[in-house]
Amino acid sequence: MYAIVRTGGRQYRAEPGKVIDVEKLPVEAGDTIDLETLLVAPDEGDPLIGHPLVEGVVVHATVVEHYRAKKILIW
């Protein structure tokens, strides 16, 4: 099972047990956040497609860590 979620103006494919790299979220590391679900594909049958969101479906995610990428200098 997977879900397409929206956060930070982008869409991501979320699966149980997988880690996705998203823009910084307004919660502390270790906290849980609910993500808006755009499309949910169940294991069997046709996928549920939202207009714009699928009603009654929420993806619960746990923030693992916050980090900053290496600074890029352009001369």
N, C-alpha and C. Protein backbone atom coordinates (compact mmCIF):
# COMPACT_ATOMS: atom_id res chain seq x y z
N MET A 1 0.85 -1.17 0.00
CA MET A 1 0.00 0.00 0.00
C MET A 1 0.90 1.23 0.00
N TYR A 2 0.49 2.25 -0.71
CA TYR A 2 1.22 3.51 -0.71
C TYR A 2 0.23 4.66 -0.78
N ALA A 3 0.72 5.86 -0.50
CA ALA A 3 -0.10 7.06 -0.60
C ALA A 3 0.74 8.18 -1.18
N ILE A 4 0.13 9.02 -1.97
CA ILE A 4 0.79 10.22 -2.46
C ILE A 4 0.37 11.35 -1.52
N VAL A 5 1.35 11.96 -0.85
CA VAL A 5 1.06 13.02 0.12
C VAL A 5 1.66 14.34 -0.35
N ARG A 6 1.13 15.43 0.18
CA ARG A 6 1.61 16.75 -0.18
C ARG A 6 2.15 17.44 1.07
N THR A 7 3.37 17.95 0.99
CA THR A 7 3.96 18.76 2.06
C THR A 7 5.02 19.66 1.45
N GLY A 8 5.08 20.88 1.89
CA GLY A 8 6.07 21.82 1.38
C GLY A 8 5.88 22.17 -0.09
N GLY A 9 4.65 22.06 -0.60
CA GLY A 9 4.38 22.39 -1.99
C GLY A 9 4.78 21.30 -2.97
N ARG A 10 5.20 20.15 -2.47
CA ARG A 10 5.60 19.04 -3.32
C ARG A 10 4.80 17.79 -2.98
N GLN A 11 4.83 16.83 -3.88
CA GLN A 11 4.14 15.57 -3.66
C GLN A 11 5.17 14.46 -3.51
N TYR A 12 4.90 13.53 -2.59
CA TYR A 12 5.82 12.43 -2.30
C TYR A 12 5.04 11.13 -2.23
N ARG A 13 5.70 10.05 -2.60
CA ARG A 13 5.11 8.71 -2.44
C ARG A 13 5.53 8.19 -1.08
N ALA A 14 4.57 7.95 -0.21
CA ALA A 14 4.83 7.46 1.14
C ALA A 14 4.38 6.01 1.25
N GLU A 15 5.22 5.19 1.88
CA GLU A 15 4.92 3.79 2.11
C GLU A 15 5.22 3.47 3.57
N PRO A 16 4.52 2.51 4.15
CA PRO A 16 4.80 2.13 5.53
C PRO A 16 6.25 1.68 5.70
N GLY A 17 6.93 2.23 6.69
CA GLY A 17 8.31 1.85 6.98
C GLY A 17 9.36 2.55 6.15
N LYS A 18 8.98 3.35 5.16
CA LYS A 18 9.94 4.06 4.31
C LYS A 18 10.23 5.45 4.87
N VAL A 19 11.40 5.98 4.57
CA VAL A 19 11.79 7.33 4.97
C VAL A 19 11.79 8.21 3.72
N ILE A 20 11.12 9.37 3.80
CA ILE A 20 11.14 10.32 2.69
C ILE A 20 11.79 11.60 3.17
N ASP A 21 12.52 12.25 2.29
CA ASP A 21 13.25 13.48 2.61
C ASP A 21 12.40 14.66 2.14
N VAL A 22 11.85 15.44 3.09
CA VAL A 22 11.00 16.58 2.76
C VAL A 22 11.61 17.85 3.32
N GLU A 23 11.04 18.99 2.93
CA GLU A 23 11.49 20.26 3.48
C GLU A 23 11.18 20.31 4.97
N LYS A 24 11.82 21.23 5.67
CA LYS A 24 11.69 21.31 7.12
C LYS A 24 10.23 21.47 7.54
N LEU A 25 9.84 20.70 8.55
CA LEU A 25 8.48 20.74 9.08
C LEU A 25 8.48 21.49 10.41
N PRO A 26 7.36 22.12 10.77
CA PRO A 26 7.30 22.93 11.99
C PRO A 26 7.09 22.12 13.27
N VAL A 27 7.74 20.97 13.38
CA VAL A 27 7.65 20.13 14.58
C VAL A 27 9.05 19.66 14.95
N GLU A 28 9.20 19.20 16.18
CA GLU A 28 10.49 18.72 16.65
C GLU A 28 10.74 17.29 16.18
N ALA A 29 12.01 16.90 16.15
CA ALA A 29 12.35 15.52 15.79
C ALA A 29 11.75 14.57 16.82
N GLY A 30 11.17 13.49 16.34
CA GLY A 30 10.51 12.52 17.21
C GLY A 30 9.01 12.73 17.32
N ASP A 31 8.51 13.90 16.91
CA ASP A 31 7.07 14.18 16.96
C ASP A 31 6.37 13.57 15.75
N THR A 32 5.06 13.39 15.86
CA THR A 32 4.25 12.85 14.78
C THR A 32 3.49 13.98 14.11
N ILE A 33 3.34 13.90 12.80
CA ILE A 33 2.61 14.91 12.04
C ILE A 33 1.67 14.20 11.07
N ASP A 34 0.52 14.81 10.80
CA ASP A 34 -0.43 14.26 9.83
C ASP A 34 -0.23 14.98 8.50
N LEU A 35 -0.11 14.21 7.42
CA LEU A 35 0.11 14.77 6.09
C LEU A 35 -1.16 14.66 5.26
N GLU A 36 -1.41 15.66 4.41
CA GLU A 36 -2.57 15.65 3.53
C GLU A 36 -2.40 14.56 2.48
N THR A 37 -3.42 13.78 2.27
CA THR A 37 -3.34 12.69 1.31
C THR A 37 -4.03 13.07 0.01
N LEU A 38 -3.32 12.93 -1.10
CA LEU A 38 -3.89 13.24 -2.40
C LEU A 38 -4.45 12.01 -3.08
N LEU A 39 -3.75 10.90 -3.03
CA LEU A 39 -4.19 9.69 -3.69
C LEU A 39 -3.76 8.51 -2.84
N VAL A 40 -4.64 7.56 -2.65
CA VAL A 40 -4.33 6.37 -1.89
C VAL A 40 -4.57 5.17 -2.77
N ALA A 41 -3.61 4.28 -2.85
CA ALA A 41 -3.77 3.07 -3.64
C ALA A 41 -3.83 1.87 -2.70
N PRO A 42 -5.00 1.29 -2.49
CA PRO A 42 -5.11 0.12 -1.63
C PRO A 42 -4.45 -1.10 -2.28
N ASP A 43 -4.23 -2.15 -1.50
CA ASP A 43 -3.60 -3.37 -2.01
C ASP A 43 -4.42 -4.02 -3.10
N GLU A 44 -5.73 -3.94 -3.01
CA GLU A 44 -6.60 -4.55 -4.01
C GLU A 44 -7.58 -3.52 -4.55
N GLY A 45 -7.98 -3.66 -5.79
CA GLY A 45 -9.00 -2.78 -6.36
C GLY A 45 -8.43 -1.51 -6.95
N ASP A 46 -9.34 -0.62 -7.33
CA ASP A 46 -8.96 0.64 -7.95
C ASP A 46 -8.48 1.62 -6.89
N PRO A 47 -7.54 2.51 -7.26
CA PRO A 47 -7.07 3.51 -6.30
C PRO A 47 -8.16 4.54 -6.00
N LEU A 48 -8.11 5.09 -4.79
CA LEU A 48 -9.01 6.19 -4.41
C LEU A 48 -8.35 7.48 -4.84
N ILE A 49 -9.04 8.28 -5.62
CA ILE A 49 -8.47 9.53 -6.11
C ILE A 49 -9.27 10.68 -5.51
N GLY A 50 -8.57 11.62 -4.88
CA GLY A 50 -9.23 12.74 -4.23
C GLY A 50 -9.47 13.91 -5.16
N HIS A 51 -10.45 14.72 -4.79
CA HIS A 51 -10.80 15.93 -5.56
C HIS A 51 -10.89 17.10 -4.61
N PRO A 52 -9.91 17.78 -4.09
CA PRO A 52 -8.49 17.51 -4.29
C PRO A 52 -7.92 16.49 -3.30
N LEU A 53 -8.58 16.24 -2.16
CA LEU A 53 -8.06 15.31 -1.17
C LEU A 53 -9.00 14.13 -0.99
N VAL A 54 -8.46 13.00 -0.57
CA VAL A 54 -9.28 11.85 -0.25
C VAL A 54 -9.84 12.08 1.15
N GLU A 55 -11.16 12.04 1.28
CA GLU A 55 -11.82 12.29 2.56
C GLU A 55 -11.60 11.13 3.53
N GLY A 56 -11.31 11.45 4.79
CA GLY A 56 -11.21 10.46 5.84
C GLY A 56 -9.92 9.65 5.87
N VAL A 57 -8.95 10.01 5.04
CA VAL A 57 -7.68 9.29 5.02
C VAL A 57 -6.57 10.24 5.46
N VAL A 58 -5.78 9.79 6.43
CA VAL A 58 -4.68 10.60 6.94
C VAL A 58 -3.42 9.74 7.00
N VAL A 59 -2.29 10.31 6.62
CA VAL A 59 -1.01 9.62 6.75
C VAL A 59 -0.32 10.19 7.98
N HIS A 60 -0.03 9.31 8.94
CA HIS A 60 0.69 9.72 10.14
C HIS A 60 2.17 9.48 9.91
N ALA A 61 2.99 10.50 10.08
CA ALA A 61 4.43 10.39 9.86
C ALA A 61 5.17 10.84 11.12
N THR A 62 6.32 10.25 11.35
CA THR A 62 7.17 10.64 12.47
C THR A 62 8.41 11.33 11.92
N VAL A 63 8.74 12.50 12.46
CA VAL A 63 9.92 13.25 12.03
C VAL A 63 11.14 12.58 12.65
N VAL A 64 12.04 12.11 11.81
CA VAL A 64 13.22 11.40 12.29
C VAL A 64 14.29 12.39 12.73
N GLU A 65 14.61 13.36 11.88
CA GLU A 65 15.63 14.35 12.21
C GLU A 65 15.50 15.57 11.30
N HIS A 66 16.11 16.67 11.72
CA HIS A 66 16.25 17.86 10.89
C HIS A 66 17.73 17.98 10.56
N TYR A 67 18.04 18.40 9.34
CA TYR A 67 19.44 18.59 8.98
C TYR A 67 19.54 19.72 7.97
N ARG A 68 20.76 20.19 7.79
CA ARG A 68 21.03 21.22 6.79
C ARG A 68 22.01 20.65 5.78
N ALA A 69 21.75 20.92 4.53
CA ALA A 69 22.64 20.45 3.47
C ALA A 69 23.93 21.29 3.47
N LYS A 70 24.95 20.77 2.84
CA LYS A 70 26.21 21.47 2.74
C LYS A 70 26.03 22.79 1.99
N LYS A 71 26.63 23.86 2.50
CA LYS A 71 26.51 25.18 1.87
C LYS A 71 27.30 25.21 0.56
N ILE A 72 26.69 25.77 -0.45
CA ILE A 72 27.33 25.86 -1.77
C ILE A 72 27.75 27.30 -2.02
N LEU A 73 29.03 27.51 -2.29
CA LEU A 73 29.55 28.84 -2.58
C LEU A 73 29.81 28.98 -4.07
N ILE A 74 29.33 30.05 -4.68
CA ILE A 74 29.52 30.32 -6.09
C ILE A 74 30.33 31.60 -6.22
N TRP A 75 31.44 31.53 -6.93
CA TRP A 75 32.33 32.69 -7.07
C TRP A 75 32.11 33.39 -8.36
